[in-house]
Amino acid sequence: MATQSPFSWAAQALPDMVSQMAANFQPPAWVVDESVNRLVLFLNHVLMSEPEAMARLARQKGQRIELVWDRIQLQLTPTPAGLLERGRFDGFDLRLSVTEESPVSLASALARGDKPKVRIEGDVQLAAEVNWLIDHVRWDAEEDLARLVGDAAAHSLAQAARKAMQALRGFVAQRAPGTSVGAAA
C-alpha cells in the first residue's frame, strides 16, 4: 500500500507560488538603474575590441535607440567615438521590442543560440547597423580572463565553459516546446 507524502501539498502549491512571485516581482529602482549602467559599460567594453563596430556606430552618432522587453526599457545613443551612452529621451529613431513575454522562453531561445523575435519601429538603416552589430560583435571572455589568471588557466576555464554551454544547449533542445519530458527518442 502506497502512502502519500506529508509534503505532497508543497509539490502542488510551489510552482504556482513561484510563478506568482515572479510575475509580481519588481526590483528596487536603484538596482535596475545600476544594472543598466553596468550593462552599458559592458557593451562599450565589448565594442572597444572591435574597431569596425565602433566605426559603424560613430556614423550613427546622436540617433536614439530604444530597447524594450516587458517592463524593461533601455535607451541608448551612439557617441561620436563609436560607443554607447545611456539616454533619457522622449521619442526614438529606432525601437526594438522583444515580443517574447516569458523569461524562461527567452532564456531558452538565447541558450539555443537563437535570436529572439523583435518588433522593429523606426529607421531601417539604423536597424540594419544594429543587426550587423548583433551578428558580428562577440565578447572574447577568454581574452579578458587571461588578463586576470593567465593564458593557460583562461584557456582551460573557457574550454570548460564552452562544454557546459554545449551541454546546456543540448538539454534545452531536448526540452523544447512541443516535446514531452521523458519521451522516448
N, C-alpha and C. Protein backbone atom coordinates (compact mmCIF):
# COMPACT_ATOMS: atom_id res chain seq x y z
N MET A 1 0.84 -1.17 0.00
CA MET A 1 0.00 0.00 0.00
C MET A 1 0.89 1.24 0.00
N ALA A 2 0.65 2.12 -0.93
CA ALA A 2 1.45 3.34 -1.05
C ALA A 2 0.91 4.41 -0.12
N THR A 3 1.82 5.01 0.60
CA THR A 3 1.40 6.11 1.48
C THR A 3 1.76 7.43 0.81
N GLN A 4 0.93 8.40 1.05
CA GLN A 4 1.13 9.71 0.44
C GLN A 4 2.08 10.52 1.32
N SER A 5 2.98 11.22 0.69
CA SER A 5 3.94 12.04 1.41
C SER A 5 3.21 13.18 2.12
N PRO A 6 3.65 13.50 3.33
CA PRO A 6 3.02 14.64 4.03
C PRO A 6 3.34 15.98 3.35
N PHE A 7 4.27 15.96 2.40
CA PHE A 7 4.66 17.20 1.72
C PHE A 7 4.12 17.28 0.30
N SER A 8 3.17 16.42 -0.05
CA SER A 8 2.64 16.43 -1.41
C SER A 8 1.93 17.74 -1.73
N TRP A 9 1.37 18.39 -0.72
CA TRP A 9 0.71 19.69 -0.94
C TRP A 9 1.73 20.71 -1.43
N ALA A 10 2.97 20.63 -0.93
CA ALA A 10 4.01 21.59 -1.32
C ALA A 10 4.39 21.40 -2.78
N ALA A 11 4.43 20.17 -3.23
CA ALA A 11 4.78 19.89 -4.63
C ALA A 11 3.74 20.47 -5.58
N GLN A 12 2.50 20.54 -5.12
CA GLN A 12 1.44 21.11 -5.96
C GLN A 12 1.40 22.63 -5.85
N ALA A 13 1.63 23.17 -4.68
CA ALA A 13 1.49 24.62 -4.46
C ALA A 13 2.73 25.40 -4.87
N LEU A 14 3.90 24.79 -4.76
CA LEU A 14 5.14 25.52 -5.01
C LEU A 14 5.25 26.12 -6.41
N PRO A 15 4.97 25.39 -7.50
CA PRO A 15 5.08 26.00 -8.83
C PRO A 15 4.17 27.22 -9.00
N ASP A 16 2.94 27.14 -8.47
CA ASP A 16 2.02 28.28 -8.58
C ASP A 16 2.53 29.47 -7.78
N MET A 17 3.04 29.19 -6.59
CA MET A 17 3.54 30.26 -5.73
C MET A 17 4.76 30.95 -6.37
N VAL A 18 5.66 30.17 -6.95
CA VAL A 18 6.85 30.73 -7.59
C VAL A 18 6.46 31.58 -8.80
N SER A 19 5.52 31.10 -9.61
CA SER A 19 5.12 31.88 -10.79
C SER A 19 4.43 33.17 -10.39
N GLN A 20 3.64 33.16 -9.32
CA GLN A 20 3.00 34.39 -8.84
C GLN A 20 4.05 35.37 -8.33
N MET A 21 5.02 34.87 -7.58
CA MET A 21 6.07 35.75 -7.06
C MET A 21 6.88 36.35 -8.20
N ALA A 22 7.20 35.56 -9.21
CA ALA A 22 7.98 36.05 -10.34
C ALA A 22 7.20 37.10 -11.13
N ALA A 23 5.90 36.90 -11.27
CA ALA A 23 5.07 37.85 -12.03
C ALA A 23 4.96 39.18 -11.31
N ASN A 24 4.96 39.16 -9.98
CA ASN A 24 4.78 40.38 -9.21
C ASN A 24 6.09 41.00 -8.73
N PHE A 25 7.20 40.34 -9.00
CA PHE A 25 8.49 40.84 -8.51
C PHE A 25 8.91 42.09 -9.27
N GLN A 26 9.23 43.12 -8.53
CA GLN A 26 9.73 44.36 -9.12
C GLN A 26 10.95 44.78 -8.29
N PRO A 27 12.16 44.70 -8.85
CA PRO A 27 13.34 45.10 -8.09
C PRO A 27 13.31 46.60 -7.81
N PRO A 28 14.01 47.03 -6.77
CA PRO A 28 14.06 48.47 -6.47
C PRO A 28 14.63 49.25 -7.66
N ALA A 29 14.18 50.49 -7.80
CA ALA A 29 14.59 51.33 -8.94
C ALA A 29 16.10 51.49 -9.00
N TRP A 30 16.76 51.63 -7.85
CA TRP A 30 18.21 51.84 -7.87
C TRP A 30 18.95 50.60 -8.39
N VAL A 31 18.39 49.41 -8.13
CA VAL A 31 19.01 48.18 -8.63
C VAL A 31 18.91 48.14 -10.15
N VAL A 32 17.74 48.48 -10.66
CA VAL A 32 17.54 48.50 -12.11
C VAL A 32 18.46 49.53 -12.74
N ASP A 33 18.52 50.72 -12.15
CA ASP A 33 19.35 51.81 -12.68
C ASP A 33 20.83 51.42 -12.73
N GLU A 34 21.34 50.87 -11.65
CA GLU A 34 22.75 50.47 -11.62
C GLU A 34 23.02 49.29 -12.55
N SER A 35 22.07 48.38 -12.67
CA SER A 35 22.24 47.26 -13.60
C SER A 35 22.34 47.75 -15.04
N VAL A 36 21.52 48.72 -15.38
CA VAL A 36 21.56 49.29 -16.73
C VAL A 36 22.90 49.99 -16.96
N ASN A 37 23.38 50.74 -15.97
CA ASN A 37 24.68 51.40 -16.11
C ASN A 37 25.79 50.38 -16.35
N ARG A 38 25.77 49.29 -15.61
CA ARG A 38 26.79 48.24 -15.77
C ARG A 38 26.67 47.57 -17.14
N LEU A 39 25.45 47.39 -17.61
CA LEU A 39 25.23 46.80 -18.92
C LEU A 39 25.81 47.68 -20.02
N VAL A 40 25.61 48.98 -19.92
CA VAL A 40 26.16 49.91 -20.92
C VAL A 40 27.69 49.89 -20.88
N LEU A 41 28.27 49.85 -19.68
CA LEU A 41 29.73 49.74 -19.57
C LEU A 41 30.24 48.45 -20.22
N PHE A 42 29.54 47.35 -19.99
CA PHE A 42 29.93 46.08 -20.59
C PHE A 42 29.83 46.13 -22.11
N LEU A 43 28.73 46.68 -22.63
CA LEU A 43 28.57 46.79 -24.08
C LEU A 43 29.70 47.62 -24.69
N ASN A 44 30.08 48.71 -24.03
CA ASN A 44 31.18 49.54 -24.53
C ASN A 44 32.51 48.79 -24.47
N HIS A 45 32.71 48.00 -23.43
CA HIS A 45 33.93 47.19 -23.32
C HIS A 45 34.03 46.24 -24.52
N VAL A 46 32.92 45.59 -24.84
CA VAL A 46 32.90 44.66 -25.97
C VAL A 46 33.11 45.41 -27.28
N LEU A 47 32.46 46.56 -27.45
CA LEU A 47 32.60 47.35 -28.68
C LEU A 47 34.03 47.81 -28.90
N MET A 48 34.74 48.15 -27.81
CA MET A 48 36.12 48.65 -27.94
C MET A 48 37.08 47.61 -28.51
N SER A 49 36.70 46.36 -28.47
CA SER A 49 37.57 45.32 -29.04
C SER A 49 37.31 45.12 -30.53
N GLU A 50 36.38 45.87 -31.09
CA GLU A 50 36.00 45.71 -32.50
C GLU A 50 35.97 47.07 -33.20
N PRO A 51 37.08 47.50 -33.81
CA PRO A 51 37.14 48.82 -34.45
C PRO A 51 36.07 49.04 -35.53
N GLU A 52 35.74 48.01 -36.29
CA GLU A 52 34.71 48.16 -37.33
C GLU A 52 33.35 48.50 -36.72
N ALA A 53 33.04 47.87 -35.59
CA ALA A 53 31.77 48.15 -34.90
C ALA A 53 31.74 49.59 -34.41
N MET A 54 32.86 50.06 -33.87
CA MET A 54 32.91 51.45 -33.40
C MET A 54 32.75 52.42 -34.56
N ALA A 55 33.36 52.12 -35.70
CA ALA A 55 33.23 53.00 -36.87
C ALA A 55 31.78 53.04 -37.35
N ARG A 56 31.12 51.91 -37.36
CA ARG A 56 29.72 51.87 -37.78
C ARG A 56 28.83 52.65 -36.82
N LEU A 57 29.08 52.50 -35.52
CA LEU A 57 28.28 53.23 -34.54
C LEU A 57 28.55 54.73 -34.60
N ALA A 58 29.80 55.11 -34.85
CA ALA A 58 30.14 56.54 -34.93
C ALA A 58 29.34 57.22 -36.04
N ARG A 59 29.09 56.51 -37.13
CA ARG A 59 28.30 57.08 -38.23
C ARG A 59 26.84 57.31 -37.82
N GLN A 60 26.41 56.66 -36.76
CA GLN A 60 25.02 56.80 -36.29
C GLN A 60 24.92 57.70 -35.06
N LYS A 61 25.97 58.50 -34.80
CA LYS A 61 26.01 59.32 -33.58
C LYS A 61 24.74 60.17 -33.43
N GLY A 62 24.29 60.24 -32.19
CA GLY A 62 23.13 61.06 -31.87
C GLY A 62 21.78 60.40 -32.12
N GLN A 63 21.76 59.26 -32.79
CA GLN A 63 20.49 58.56 -33.02
C GLN A 63 19.97 58.01 -31.69
N ARG A 64 18.68 57.95 -31.55
CA ARG A 64 18.06 57.47 -30.30
C ARG A 64 17.54 56.05 -30.51
N ILE A 65 18.14 55.12 -29.77
CA ILE A 65 17.77 53.70 -29.87
C ILE A 65 17.09 53.29 -28.57
N GLU A 66 15.93 52.68 -28.70
CA GLU A 66 15.20 52.24 -27.53
C GLU A 66 14.99 50.73 -27.61
N LEU A 67 15.42 50.01 -26.58
CA LEU A 67 15.24 48.56 -26.49
C LEU A 67 14.18 48.30 -25.41
N VAL A 68 13.17 47.52 -25.74
CA VAL A 68 12.06 47.29 -24.82
C VAL A 68 11.79 45.80 -24.69
N TRP A 69 11.65 45.35 -23.45
CA TRP A 69 11.20 43.99 -23.17
C TRP A 69 10.43 44.01 -21.86
N ASP A 70 9.19 43.58 -21.93
CA ASP A 70 8.31 43.54 -20.78
C ASP A 70 8.29 44.91 -20.10
N ARG A 71 8.73 45.00 -18.85
CA ARG A 71 8.73 46.29 -18.14
C ARG A 71 10.08 46.98 -18.22
N ILE A 72 11.00 46.41 -18.96
CA ILE A 72 12.36 46.95 -19.03
C ILE A 72 12.51 47.80 -20.29
N GLN A 73 13.03 49.00 -20.10
CA GLN A 73 13.25 49.91 -21.23
C GLN A 73 14.68 50.44 -21.13
N LEU A 74 15.43 50.31 -22.21
CA LEU A 74 16.81 50.77 -22.26
C LEU A 74 16.95 51.74 -23.42
N GLN A 75 17.38 52.95 -23.12
CA GLN A 75 17.55 53.97 -24.15
C GLN A 75 19.04 54.24 -24.31
N LEU A 76 19.52 54.13 -25.55
CA LEU A 76 20.94 54.28 -25.86
C LEU A 76 21.12 55.27 -27.01
N THR A 77 22.27 55.95 -26.99
CA THR A 77 22.63 56.86 -28.06
C THR A 77 24.07 56.59 -28.45
N PRO A 78 24.36 56.34 -29.73
CA PRO A 78 25.76 56.20 -30.16
C PRO A 78 26.49 57.55 -30.04
N THR A 79 27.74 57.49 -29.62
CA THR A 79 28.56 58.69 -29.47
C THR A 79 29.45 58.87 -30.70
N PRO A 80 30.06 60.06 -30.86
CA PRO A 80 31.00 60.26 -31.97
C PRO A 80 32.20 59.31 -31.90
N ALA A 81 32.50 58.79 -30.69
CA ALA A 81 33.62 57.86 -30.53
C ALA A 81 33.24 56.43 -30.93
N GLY A 82 31.97 56.20 -31.25
CA GLY A 82 31.55 54.86 -31.64
C GLY A 82 31.19 53.96 -30.47
N LEU A 83 30.90 54.57 -29.34
CA LEU A 83 30.46 53.81 -28.17
C LEU A 83 28.99 54.12 -27.92
N LEU A 84 28.45 53.58 -26.84
CA LEU A 84 27.06 53.84 -26.49
C LEU A 84 27.00 54.60 -25.19
N GLU A 85 26.07 55.54 -25.11
CA GLU A 85 25.81 56.18 -23.83
C GLU A 85 24.34 56.01 -23.51
N ARG A 86 24.07 55.95 -22.25
CA ARG A 86 22.70 55.79 -21.81
C ARG A 86 21.95 57.09 -22.08
N GLY A 87 20.77 56.96 -22.64
CA GLY A 87 19.97 58.14 -22.93
C GLY A 87 18.73 58.19 -22.07
N ARG A 88 18.20 59.37 -21.95
CA ARG A 88 16.90 59.58 -21.32
C ARG A 88 16.18 60.57 -22.22
N PHE A 89 15.34 60.04 -23.11
CA PHE A 89 14.74 60.90 -24.12
C PHE A 89 13.30 60.48 -24.39
N ASP A 90 12.55 61.41 -24.96
CA ASP A 90 11.21 61.12 -25.45
C ASP A 90 11.32 60.85 -26.94
N GLY A 91 10.57 59.90 -27.43
CA GLY A 91 10.66 59.56 -28.84
C GLY A 91 11.87 58.67 -29.09
N PHE A 92 12.03 58.25 -30.33
CA PHE A 92 13.13 57.37 -30.70
C PHE A 92 13.32 57.42 -32.19
N ASP A 93 14.52 57.08 -32.63
CA ASP A 93 14.78 56.88 -34.05
C ASP A 93 14.59 55.41 -34.41
N LEU A 94 14.86 54.54 -33.42
CA LEU A 94 14.69 53.10 -33.61
C LEU A 94 14.22 52.49 -32.30
N ARG A 95 13.14 51.73 -32.38
CA ARG A 95 12.67 50.98 -31.20
C ARG A 95 12.68 49.50 -31.56
N LEU A 96 13.36 48.72 -30.72
CA LEU A 96 13.39 47.26 -30.86
C LEU A 96 12.66 46.69 -29.65
N SER A 97 11.53 46.04 -29.89
CA SER A 97 10.73 45.47 -28.81
C SER A 97 10.77 43.95 -28.91
N VAL A 98 11.29 43.32 -27.87
CA VAL A 98 11.32 41.85 -27.83
C VAL A 98 9.89 41.39 -27.58
N THR A 99 9.38 40.53 -28.46
CA THR A 99 7.98 40.12 -28.39
C THR A 99 7.75 38.93 -27.46
N GLU A 100 8.79 38.19 -27.11
CA GLU A 100 8.64 37.04 -26.21
C GLU A 100 8.40 37.56 -24.80
N GLU A 101 7.28 37.16 -24.20
CA GLU A 101 6.93 37.65 -22.87
C GLU A 101 7.51 36.80 -21.76
N SER A 102 7.68 35.52 -21.99
CA SER A 102 8.14 34.60 -20.95
C SER A 102 9.66 34.66 -20.79
N PRO A 103 10.14 34.97 -19.58
CA PRO A 103 11.59 34.98 -19.37
C PRO A 103 12.22 33.60 -19.61
N VAL A 104 11.50 32.55 -19.28
CA VAL A 104 12.02 31.19 -19.47
C VAL A 104 12.17 30.89 -20.96
N SER A 105 11.16 31.24 -21.75
CA SER A 105 11.23 31.00 -23.20
C SER A 105 12.33 31.84 -23.84
N LEU A 106 12.47 33.08 -23.37
CA LEU A 106 13.52 33.94 -23.90
C LEU A 106 14.90 33.37 -23.57
N ALA A 107 15.09 32.96 -22.31
CA ALA A 107 16.38 32.38 -21.91
C ALA A 107 16.66 31.09 -22.69
N SER A 108 15.63 30.29 -22.92
CA SER A 108 15.80 29.05 -23.69
C SER A 108 16.24 29.35 -25.12
N ALA A 109 15.60 30.34 -25.74
CA ALA A 109 15.97 30.71 -27.11
C ALA A 109 17.41 31.20 -27.17
N LEU A 110 17.79 32.03 -26.21
CA LEU A 110 19.16 32.55 -26.19
C LEU A 110 20.17 31.43 -25.94
N ALA A 111 19.81 30.48 -25.06
CA ALA A 111 20.71 29.35 -24.77
C ALA A 111 20.90 28.47 -26.00
N ARG A 112 19.86 28.38 -26.84
CA ARG A 112 19.97 27.61 -28.09
C ARG A 112 20.76 28.37 -29.15
N GLY A 113 21.02 29.65 -28.90
CA GLY A 113 21.74 30.46 -29.87
C GLY A 113 20.81 31.14 -30.86
N ASP A 114 19.51 31.12 -30.59
CA ASP A 114 18.53 31.76 -31.47
C ASP A 114 18.38 33.23 -31.12
N LYS A 115 18.08 34.03 -32.13
CA LYS A 115 17.74 35.43 -31.88
C LYS A 115 16.28 35.48 -31.45
N PRO A 116 15.96 36.28 -30.44
CA PRO A 116 14.55 36.40 -30.07
C PRO A 116 13.78 37.18 -31.14
N LYS A 117 12.48 36.97 -31.21
CA LYS A 117 11.66 37.72 -32.16
C LYS A 117 11.54 39.15 -31.67
N VAL A 118 11.72 40.08 -32.60
CA VAL A 118 11.75 41.50 -32.25
C VAL A 118 10.84 42.28 -33.20
N ARG A 119 10.08 43.22 -32.65
CA ARG A 119 9.30 44.14 -33.48
C ARG A 119 10.15 45.39 -33.67
N ILE A 120 10.32 45.81 -34.91
CA ILE A 120 11.19 46.94 -35.25
C ILE A 120 10.33 48.11 -35.68
N GLU A 121 10.60 49.27 -35.07
CA GLU A 121 9.92 50.50 -35.47
C GLU A 121 10.98 51.57 -35.69
N GLY A 122 10.88 52.30 -36.79
CA GLY A 122 11.78 53.42 -36.99
C GLY A 122 12.73 53.25 -38.16
N ASP A 123 13.91 53.86 -38.03
CA ASP A 123 14.92 53.98 -39.07
C ASP A 123 15.45 52.61 -39.52
N VAL A 124 15.23 52.29 -40.78
CA VAL A 124 15.64 50.99 -41.32
C VAL A 124 17.16 50.87 -41.39
N GLN A 125 17.86 51.94 -41.77
CA GLN A 125 19.32 51.90 -41.86
C GLN A 125 19.94 51.67 -40.48
N LEU A 126 19.42 52.36 -39.48
CA LEU A 126 19.91 52.17 -38.12
C LEU A 126 19.63 50.74 -37.65
N ALA A 127 18.47 50.21 -37.99
CA ALA A 127 18.14 48.82 -37.64
C ALA A 127 19.12 47.85 -38.30
N ALA A 128 19.51 48.13 -39.54
CA ALA A 128 20.48 47.28 -40.24
C ALA A 128 21.84 47.33 -39.54
N GLU A 129 22.25 48.51 -39.07
CA GLU A 129 23.53 48.63 -38.35
C GLU A 129 23.49 47.86 -37.03
N VAL A 130 22.39 47.97 -36.30
CA VAL A 130 22.25 47.25 -35.04
C VAL A 130 22.27 45.74 -35.31
N ASN A 131 21.60 45.31 -36.36
CA ASN A 131 21.61 43.89 -36.72
C ASN A 131 23.03 43.42 -37.05
N TRP A 132 23.80 44.25 -37.77
CA TRP A 132 25.19 43.90 -38.08
C TRP A 132 25.97 43.72 -36.78
N LEU A 133 25.78 44.63 -35.82
CA LEU A 133 26.48 44.53 -34.54
C LEU A 133 26.14 43.22 -33.84
N ILE A 134 24.86 42.89 -33.82
CA ILE A 134 24.42 41.66 -33.15
C ILE A 134 25.03 40.43 -33.83
N ASP A 135 25.12 40.46 -35.15
CA ASP A 135 25.65 39.31 -35.89
C ASP A 135 27.17 39.18 -35.82
N HIS A 136 27.90 40.28 -35.69
CA HIS A 136 29.35 40.24 -35.85
C HIS A 136 30.18 40.54 -34.60
N VAL A 137 29.61 41.16 -33.60
CA VAL A 137 30.40 41.53 -32.42
C VAL A 137 30.20 40.46 -31.35
N ARG A 138 31.29 39.92 -30.86
CA ARG A 138 31.26 38.89 -29.82
C ARG A 138 32.24 39.26 -28.72
N TRP A 139 31.86 38.93 -27.50
CA TRP A 139 32.73 39.15 -26.35
C TRP A 139 33.74 38.02 -26.29
N ASP A 140 35.01 38.37 -26.24
CA ASP A 140 36.06 37.37 -26.09
C ASP A 140 36.37 37.24 -24.60
N ALA A 141 35.55 36.46 -23.93
CA ALA A 141 35.69 36.28 -22.48
C ALA A 141 37.04 35.66 -22.13
N GLU A 142 37.53 34.78 -22.99
CA GLU A 142 38.81 34.12 -22.72
C GLU A 142 39.95 35.15 -22.67
N GLU A 143 39.91 36.13 -23.56
CA GLU A 143 40.95 37.16 -23.56
C GLU A 143 40.89 38.00 -22.28
N ASP A 144 39.70 38.37 -21.86
CA ASP A 144 39.56 39.14 -20.62
C ASP A 144 40.00 38.32 -19.41
N LEU A 145 39.64 37.05 -19.40
CA LEU A 145 40.02 36.17 -18.31
C LEU A 145 41.53 35.97 -18.26
N ALA A 146 42.16 35.92 -19.43
CA ALA A 146 43.61 35.74 -19.49
C ALA A 146 44.35 36.90 -18.82
N ARG A 147 43.79 38.08 -18.87
CA ARG A 147 44.40 39.23 -18.19
C ARG A 147 44.42 39.06 -16.68
N LEU A 148 43.46 38.28 -16.17
CA LEU A 148 43.37 38.08 -14.73
C LEU A 148 44.15 36.87 -14.24
N VAL A 149 44.04 35.73 -14.97
CA VAL A 149 44.61 34.48 -14.46
C VAL A 149 45.69 33.88 -15.34
N GLY A 150 45.98 34.50 -16.46
CA GLY A 150 46.99 33.96 -17.37
C GLY A 150 46.36 33.17 -18.50
N ASP A 151 47.14 32.97 -19.56
CA ASP A 151 46.62 32.34 -20.78
C ASP A 151 46.19 30.89 -20.58
N ALA A 152 47.03 30.09 -19.93
CA ALA A 152 46.73 28.65 -19.81
C ALA A 152 45.47 28.42 -18.98
N ALA A 153 45.39 29.07 -17.83
CA ALA A 153 44.21 28.90 -16.97
C ALA A 153 42.96 29.43 -17.66
N ALA A 154 43.09 30.55 -18.35
CA ALA A 154 41.94 31.12 -19.06
C ALA A 154 41.46 30.18 -20.16
N HIS A 155 42.39 29.57 -20.87
CA HIS A 155 42.01 28.63 -21.93
C HIS A 155 41.27 27.43 -21.35
N SER A 156 41.77 26.89 -20.24
CA SER A 156 41.12 25.74 -19.60
C SER A 156 39.72 26.10 -19.11
N LEU A 157 39.59 27.26 -18.46
CA LEU A 157 38.29 27.69 -17.97
C LEU A 157 37.31 27.94 -19.12
N ALA A 158 37.80 28.57 -20.17
CA ALA A 158 36.94 28.86 -21.32
C ALA A 158 36.49 27.57 -22.00
N GLN A 159 37.40 26.60 -22.09
CA GLN A 159 37.04 25.32 -22.70
C GLN A 159 35.97 24.61 -21.87
N ALA A 160 36.11 24.65 -20.55
CA ALA A 160 35.10 24.05 -19.67
C ALA A 160 33.76 24.77 -19.81
N ALA A 161 33.80 26.09 -19.92
CA ALA A 161 32.56 26.87 -20.09
C ALA A 161 31.89 26.55 -21.42
N ARG A 162 32.69 26.37 -22.48
CA ARG A 162 32.11 26.02 -23.79
C ARG A 162 31.43 24.65 -23.72
N LYS A 163 32.06 23.70 -23.04
CA LYS A 163 31.45 22.36 -22.90
C LYS A 163 30.16 22.44 -22.09
N ALA A 164 30.17 23.24 -21.03
CA ALA A 164 28.96 23.40 -20.22
C ALA A 164 27.85 24.06 -21.04
N MET A 165 28.20 25.04 -21.84
CA MET A 165 27.20 25.72 -22.68
C MET A 165 26.65 24.76 -23.73
N GLN A 166 27.52 23.93 -24.29
CA GLN A 166 27.07 22.95 -25.28
C GLN A 166 26.10 21.96 -24.62
N ALA A 167 26.41 21.53 -23.40
CA ALA A 167 25.52 20.61 -22.69
C ALA A 167 24.19 21.29 -22.37
N LEU A 168 24.24 22.57 -21.99
CA LEU A 168 23.01 23.31 -21.71
C LEU A 168 22.16 23.44 -22.96
N ARG A 169 22.79 23.74 -24.09
CA ARG A 169 22.04 23.85 -25.35
C ARG A 169 21.39 22.52 -25.71
N GLY A 170 22.12 21.42 -25.50
CA GLY A 170 21.55 20.11 -25.77
C GLY A 170 20.37 19.81 -24.86
N PHE A 171 20.49 20.18 -23.60
CA PHE A 171 19.41 19.97 -22.64
C PHE A 171 18.19 20.78 -23.02
N VAL A 172 18.40 22.05 -23.38
CA VAL A 172 17.29 22.93 -23.77
C VAL A 172 16.63 22.41 -25.04
N ALA A 173 17.44 21.94 -25.99
CA ALA A 173 16.89 21.42 -27.24
C ALA A 173 16.00 20.21 -26.99
N GLN A 174 16.38 19.37 -26.03
CA GLN A 174 15.57 18.19 -25.70
C GLN A 174 14.25 18.59 -25.05
N ARG A 175 14.26 19.69 -24.33
CA ARG A 175 13.07 20.14 -23.59
C ARG A 175 12.32 21.24 -24.32
N ALA A 176 12.61 21.43 -25.59
CA ALA A 176 11.98 22.50 -26.38
C ALA A 176 10.46 22.32 -26.40
N PRO A 177 9.72 23.45 -26.56
CA PRO A 177 8.26 23.35 -26.62
C PRO A 177 7.82 22.34 -27.68
N GLY A 178 6.80 21.57 -27.33
CA GLY A 178 6.30 20.57 -28.28
C GLY A 178 6.85 19.19 -28.00
N THR A 179 7.83 19.10 -27.09
CA THR A 179 8.35 17.79 -26.72
C THR A 179 7.95 17.51 -25.28
N SER A 180 7.83 16.28 -24.93
CA SER A 180 7.46 15.95 -23.56
C SER A 180 8.68 15.41 -22.82
N VAL A 181 8.72 15.69 -21.54
CA VAL A 181 9.82 15.23 -20.72
C VAL A 181 9.70 13.72 -20.56
N GLY A 182 10.80 13.04 -20.78
CA GLY A 182 10.82 11.59 -20.62
C GLY A 182 10.32 10.83 -21.84
N ALA A 183 10.06 11.53 -22.93
CA ALA A 183 9.59 10.83 -24.14
C ALA A 183 10.72 10.02 -24.73
N ALA A 184 10.40 8.89 -25.27
CA ALA A 184 11.41 8.04 -25.89
C ALA A 184 11.88 8.65 -27.19
N ALA A 185 13.18 8.52 -27.46
CA ALA A 185 13.73 9.11 -28.69
C ALA A 185 13.53 8.19 -29.86
